[in-house]
C-alpha atoms as a PDB file:
ATOM      1  CA  MET A   1     -22.208  21.226  -3.752  1.00  0.00           C
ATOM      2  CA  LEU A   2     -19.017  19.244  -3.410  1.00  0.00           C
ATOM      3  CA  SER A   3     -19.136  18.361  -7.087  1.00  0.00           C
ATOM      4  CA  LYS A   4     -18.897  22.071  -8.012  1.00  0.00           C
ATOM      5  CA  LEU A   5     -15.655  22.404  -6.069  1.00  0.00           C
ATOM      6  CA  LEU A   6     -14.369  19.143  -7.481  1.00  0.00           C
ATOM      7  CA  LYS A   7     -14.717  20.619 -10.962  1.00  0.00           C
ATOM      8  CA  VAL A   8     -12.377  23.406  -9.860  1.00  0.00           C
ATOM      9  CA  LEU A   9      -9.690  20.845  -9.093  1.00  0.00           C
ATOM     10  CA  PRO A  10      -9.766  18.374 -11.988  1.00  0.00           C
ATOM     11  CA  LEU A  11      -6.030  17.833 -12.185  1.00  0.00           C
ATOM     12  CA  VAL A  12      -4.972  18.253  -8.598  1.00  0.00           C
ATOM     13  CA  GLY A  13      -3.466  14.782  -8.383  1.00  0.00           C
ATOM     14  CA  ALA A  14      -1.775  14.970 -11.774  1.00  0.00           C
ATOM     15  CA  GLY A  15      -0.287  18.370 -11.011  1.00  0.00           C
ATOM     16  CA  LEU A  16       1.221  17.182  -7.754  1.00  0.00           C
ATOM     17  CA  PHE A  17       2.847  14.169  -9.415  1.00  0.00           C
ATOM     18  CA  LEU A  18       4.532  16.257 -12.096  1.00  0.00           C
ATOM     19  CA  VAL A  19       6.151  18.839  -9.819  1.00  0.00           C
ATOM     20  CA  PRO A  20       9.539  18.585  -8.127  1.00  0.00           C
ATOM     21  CA  GLN A  21       9.127  17.992  -4.396  1.00  0.00           C
ATOM     22  CA  ALA A  22      10.498  21.417  -3.438  1.00  0.00           C
ATOM     23  CA  ASN A  23       7.612  23.104  -5.252  1.00  0.00           C
ATOM     24  CA  ALA A  24       4.859  20.633  -4.398  1.00  0.00           C
ATOM     25  CA  MET A  25       3.644  22.576  -1.365  1.00  0.00           C
ATOM     26  CA  ASP A  26       3.568  25.824  -3.353  1.00  0.00           C
ATOM     27  CA  ILE A  27       1.457  24.176  -6.046  1.00  0.00           C
ATOM     28  CA  LYS A  28      -0.751  22.512  -3.457  1.00  0.00           C
ATOM     29  CA  GLN A  29      -1.300  25.903  -1.810  1.00  0.00           C
ATOM     30  CA  GLU A  30      -2.111  27.438  -5.203  1.00  0.00           C
ATOM     31  CA  TYR A  31      -4.833  24.814  -5.733  1.00  0.00           C
ATOM     32  CA  ILE A  32      -6.204  25.540  -2.267  1.00  0.00           C
ATOM     33  CA  ASN A  33      -6.152  29.293  -2.894  1.00  0.00           C
ATOM     34  CA  THR A  34      -7.956  28.915  -6.237  1.00  0.00           C
ATOM     35  CA  CYS A  35     -10.567  26.655  -4.680  1.00  0.00           C
ATOM     36  CA  VAL A  36     -11.098  29.082  -1.764  1.00  0.00           C
ATOM     37  CA  GLN A  37     -11.423  32.036  -4.112  1.00  0.00           C
ATOM     38  CA  ASP A  38     -13.990  30.196  -6.238  1.00  0.00           C
ATOM     39  CA  ALA A  39     -15.952  29.022  -3.174  1.00  0.00           C
ATOM     40  CA  VAL A  40     -16.056  32.542  -1.707  1.00  0.00           C
ATOM     41  CA  ASN A  41     -16.818  34.222  -5.069  1.00  0.00           C
ATOM     42  CA  THR A  42     -19.754  31.882  -5.693  1.00  0.00           C
ATOM     43  CA  LYS A  43     -20.917  32.370  -2.081  1.00  0.00           C
ATOM     44  CA  MET A  44     -20.623  28.645  -1.351  1.00  0.00           C
ATOM     45  CA  ALA A  45     -18.778  29.339   1.882  1.00  0.00           C
ATOM     46  CA  ASN A  46     -17.194  32.077   3.916  1.00  0.00           C
ATOM     47  CA  ASN A  47     -13.413  32.344   3.822  1.00  0.00           C
ATOM     48  CA  THR A  48     -12.856  30.254   6.972  1.00  0.00           C
ATOM     49  CA  ASP A  49     -15.086  27.362   5.882  1.00  0.00           C
ATOM     50  CA  ALA A  50     -13.778  27.562   2.307  1.00  0.00           C
ATOM     51  CA  ASN A  51     -10.188  27.264   3.568  1.00  0.00           C
ATOM     52  CA  LYS A  52     -11.060  24.198   5.644  1.00  0.00           C
ATOM     53  CA  LEU A  53     -13.039  22.580   2.841  1.00  0.00           C
ATOM     54  CA  CYS A  54     -10.529  23.278   0.097  1.00  0.00           C
ATOM     55  CA  SER A  55      -7.551  22.207   2.184  1.00  0.00           C
ATOM     56  CA  CYS A  56      -9.305  18.924   2.898  1.00  0.00           C
ATOM     57  CA  ILE A  57     -10.301  18.362  -0.742  1.00  0.00           C
ATOM     58  CA  VAL A  58      -6.788  19.041  -2.021  1.00  0.00           C
ATOM     59  CA  ASP A  59      -5.303  16.818   0.674  1.00  0.00           C
ATOM     60  CA  VAL A  60      -7.635  13.935  -0.229  1.00  0.00           C
ATOM     61  CA  HIS A  61      -6.858  14.283  -3.946  1.00  0.00           C
ATOM     62  CA  SER A  62      -3.128  14.547  -3.339  1.00  0.00           C
ATOM     63  CA  LYS A  63      -3.115  11.042  -1.878  1.00  0.00           C
ATOM     64  CA  LYS A  64      -4.261   9.423  -5.137  1.00  0.00           C
ATOM     65  CA  THR A  65      -1.574   7.405  -6.850  1.00  0.00           C
ATOM     66  CA  LEU A  66      -0.712   7.702 -10.507  1.00  0.00           C
ATOM     67  CA  GLY A  67      -1.816   4.089 -10.940  1.00  0.00           C
ATOM     68  CA  GLN A  68      -5.219   4.913  -9.459  1.00  0.00           C
ATOM     69  CA  MET A  69      -5.639   7.856 -11.831  1.00  0.00           C
ATOM     70  CA  TRP A  70      -4.774   5.603 -14.785  1.00  0.00           C
ATOM     71  CA  GLU A  71      -7.238   2.987 -13.567  1.00  0.00           C
ATOM     72  CA  VAL A  72     -10.014   5.588 -13.426  1.00  0.00           C
ATOM     73  CA  GLU A  73      -9.165   6.763 -16.950  1.00  0.00           C
ATOM     74  CA  SER A  74      -9.120   3.164 -18.210  1.00  0.00           C
ATOM     75  CA  TYR A  75     -12.552   2.584 -16.699  1.00  0.00           C
ATOM     76  CA  LYS A  76     -13.888   5.766 -18.306  1.00  0.00           C
ATOM     77  CA  GLN A  77     -12.453   4.912 -21.721  1.00  0.00           C
ATOM     78  CA  SER A  78     -13.894   1.393 -21.610  1.00  0.00           C
ATOM     79  CA  GLY A  79     -17.337   2.716 -20.650  1.00  0.00           C
ATOM     80  CA  LYS A  80     -17.198   1.340 -17.115  1.00  0.00           C
ATOM     81  CA  ASP A  81     -18.232   3.393 -14.098  1.00  0.00           C
ATOM     82  CA  PRO A  82     -15.142   4.300 -12.021  1.00  0.00           C
ATOM     83  CA  ALA A  83     -17.428   4.797  -9.008  1.00  0.00           C
ATOM     84  CA  THR A  84     -17.472   1.006  -8.645  1.00  0.00           C
ATOM     85  CA  LEU A  85     -13.755   0.949  -7.802  1.00  0.00           C
ATOM     86  CA  PRO A  86     -13.154   0.528  -4.044  1.00  0.00           C
ATOM     87  CA  PHE A  87     -10.558   3.318  -3.861  1.00  0.00           C
ATOM     88  CA  VAL A  88     -12.951   5.701  -5.642  1.00  0.00           C
ATOM     89  CA  GLN A  89     -15.667   4.857  -3.123  1.00  0.00           C
ATOM     90  CA  LYS A  90     -13.198   5.596  -0.291  1.00  0.00           C
ATOM     91  CA  LEU A  91     -12.197   8.830  -2.018  1.00  0.00           C
ATOM     92  CA  GLN A  92     -15.839   9.914  -2.280  1.00  0.00           C
ATOM     93  CA  SER A  93     -16.406   9.096   1.384  1.00  0.00           C
ATOM     94  CA  ASP A  94     -13.314  11.087   2.388  1.00  0.00           C
ATOM     95  CA  LEU A  95     -14.449  14.030   0.254  1.00  0.00           C
ATOM     96  CA  GLN A  96     -17.907  13.993   1.836  1.00  0.00           C
ATOM     97  CA  GLN A  97     -16.273  14.110   5.260  1.00  0.00           C
ATOM     98  CA  CYS A  98     -14.543  17.331   4.179  1.00  0.00           C
ATOM     99  CA  GLU A  99     -17.925  19.077   4.427  1.00  0.00           C
ATOM    100  CA  GLN A 100     -18.669  17.914   7.979  1.00  0.00           C
ATOM    101  CA  GLY A 101     -19.259  20.806  10.371  1.00  0.00           C
ATOM    102  CA  LEU A 102     -18.980  23.450   7.644  1.00  0.00           C
ATOM    103  CA  THR A 103     -21.644  25.713   6.207  1.00  0.00           C
ATOM    104  CA  ILE A 104     -21.668  25.007   2.472  1.00  0.00           C
ATOM    105  CA  ASN A 105     -24.264  26.687   0.258  1.00  0.00           C
ATOM    106  CA  PRO A 106     -25.290  26.041  -3.347  1.00  0.00           C
ATOM    107  CA  PRO A 107     -23.116  28.114  -5.680  1.00  0.00           C
ATOM    108  CA  GLN A 108     -24.490  31.469  -6.792  1.00  0.00           C
ATOM    109  CA  LEU A 109     -23.092  32.415 -10.174  1.00  0.00           C
ATOM    110  CA  PRO A 110     -22.909  36.096 -11.097  1.00  0.00           C
ATOM    111  CA  ALA A 111     -25.802  37.375 -13.232  1.00  0.00           C
ATOM    112  CA  GLY A 112     -25.360  36.738 -16.932  1.00  0.00           C
ATOM    113  CA  GLN A 113     -23.501  33.432 -16.626  1.00  0.00           C
END
Protein backbone atom coordinates (compact mmCIF):
# COMPACT_ATOMS: atom_id res chain seq x y z
CA MET A 1 0.00 0.00 0.00
CA LEU A 2 2.75 2.41 0.94
CA SER A 3 4.55 1.66 -2.30
CA LYS A 4 1.57 2.98 -4.30
CA LEU A 5 1.79 6.33 -2.54
CA LEU A 6 5.56 6.36 -2.89
CA LYS A 7 5.11 6.17 -6.66
CA VAL A 8 3.08 9.37 -6.44
CA LEU A 9 6.05 11.16 -4.92
CA PRO A 10 9.08 10.02 -6.93
CA LEU A 11 10.87 13.35 -6.94
CA VAL A 12 9.81 14.83 -3.65
CA GLY A 13 13.37 15.16 -2.38
CA ALA A 14 14.74 16.48 -5.67
CA GLY A 15 11.96 19.05 -5.96
CA LEU A 16 12.60 20.41 -2.49
CA PHE A 17 16.32 20.81 -3.15
CA LEU A 18 15.78 22.81 -6.34
CA VAL A 19 13.35 25.38 -4.94
CA PRO A 20 14.22 28.66 -3.24
CA GLN A 21 13.55 28.44 0.50
CA ALA A 22 10.65 30.92 0.38
CA ASN A 23 8.69 28.56 -1.88
CA ALA A 24 9.75 25.26 -0.32
CA MET A 25 6.73 25.03 1.97
CA ASP A 26 4.36 25.81 -0.91
CA ILE A 27 5.91 23.03 -2.98
CA LYS A 28 5.92 20.67 -0.02
CA GLN A 29 2.22 21.39 0.52
CA GLU A 30 1.54 20.79 -3.18
CA TYR A 31 3.14 17.33 -2.90
CA ILE A 32 1.04 16.61 0.17
CA ASN A 33 -2.13 17.79 -1.56
CA THR A 34 -1.44 15.65 -4.64
CA CYS A 35 -0.72 12.62 -2.48
CA VAL A 36 -3.92 13.17 -0.44
CA GLN A 37 -6.00 13.58 -3.57
CA ASP A 38 -4.60 10.37 -5.05
CA ALA A 39 -5.08 8.44 -1.79
CA VAL A 40 -8.70 9.61 -1.45
CA ASN A 41 -9.49 9.10 -5.17
CA THR A 42 -8.19 5.53 -5.07
CA LYS A 43 -10.05 4.94 -1.78
CA MET A 44 -6.82 4.10 0.05
CA ALA A 45 -7.76 6.37 2.93
CA ASN A 46 -10.27 8.94 4.04
CA ASN A 47 -9.22 12.58 3.89
CA THR A 48 -8.06 12.74 7.52
CA ASP A 49 -5.90 9.61 7.35
CA ALA A 50 -4.61 10.56 3.89
CA ASN A 51 -3.51 13.97 5.20
CA LYS A 52 -1.64 12.37 8.10
CA LEU A 53 -0.05 9.72 5.91
CA CYS A 54 0.95 12.04 3.09
CA SER A 55 2.31 14.71 5.42
CA CYS A 56 4.46 12.08 7.09
CA ILE A 57 5.68 10.60 3.79
CA VAL A 58 6.61 14.01 2.38
CA ASP A 59 8.33 14.96 5.62
CA VAL A 60 10.40 11.75 5.63
CA HIS A 61 11.41 12.24 1.98
CA SER A 62 12.25 15.89 2.50
CA LYS A 63 14.98 14.93 4.95
CA LYS A 64 16.99 13.02 2.33
CA THR A 65 20.18 14.74 1.32
CA LEU A 66 21.26 15.29 -2.25
CA GLY A 67 24.26 13.05 -1.57
CA GLN A 68 21.96 10.25 -0.43
CA MET A 69 19.85 10.57 -3.58
CA TRP A 70 23.01 10.37 -5.71
CA GLU A 71 24.19 7.33 -3.77
CA VAL A 72 20.89 5.56 -4.43
CA GLU A 73 21.13 6.39 -8.14
CA SER A 74 24.73 5.16 -8.25
CA TYR A 75 23.68 1.89 -6.65
CA LYS A 76 20.83 1.49 -9.15
CA GLN A 77 23.06 2.24 -12.14
CA SER A 78 25.71 -0.23 -10.98
CA GLY A 79 23.10 -2.96 -10.48
CA LYS A 80 23.36 -2.93 -6.69
CA ASP A 81 20.31 -2.95 -4.44
CA PRO A 82 19.93 0.45 -2.72
CA ALA A 83 17.86 -1.25 -0.01
CA THR A 84 21.14 -2.47 1.48
CA LEU A 85 22.19 1.10 2.32
CA PRO A 86 21.69 1.90 6.03
CA PHE A 87 20.00 5.26 5.37
CA VAL A 88 17.57 3.59 2.94
CA GLN A 89 16.70 1.00 5.59
CA LYS A 90 16.05 3.84 8.07
CA LEU A 91 13.97 5.65 5.45
CA GLN A 92 11.86 2.54 4.86
CA SER A 93 11.36 2.10 8.59
CA ASP A 94 10.31 5.75 8.96
CA LEU A 95 7.90 5.41 6.03
CA GLN A 96 6.33 2.29 7.53
CA GLN A 97 5.78 4.20 10.77
CA CYS A 98 3.78 6.76 8.77
CA GLU A 99 1.01 4.15 8.46
CA GLN A 100 0.79 3.42 12.20
CA GLY A 101 -2.69 4.02 13.60
CA LEU A 102 -4.19 4.86 10.20
CA THR A 103 -6.70 2.93 8.13
CA ILE A 104 -5.00 2.32 4.79
CA ASN A 105 -6.74 0.20 2.16
CA PRO A 106 -5.47 -1.33 -1.09
CA PRO A 107 -5.93 1.15 -3.93
CA GLN A 108 -9.09 0.82 -6.01
CA LEU A 109 -8.50 2.11 -9.51
CA PRO A 110 -11.48 3.37 -11.51
CA ALA A 111 -12.98 0.84 -13.94
CA GLY A 112 -11.20 0.70 -17.27
CA GLN A 113 -7.70 1.42 -15.97
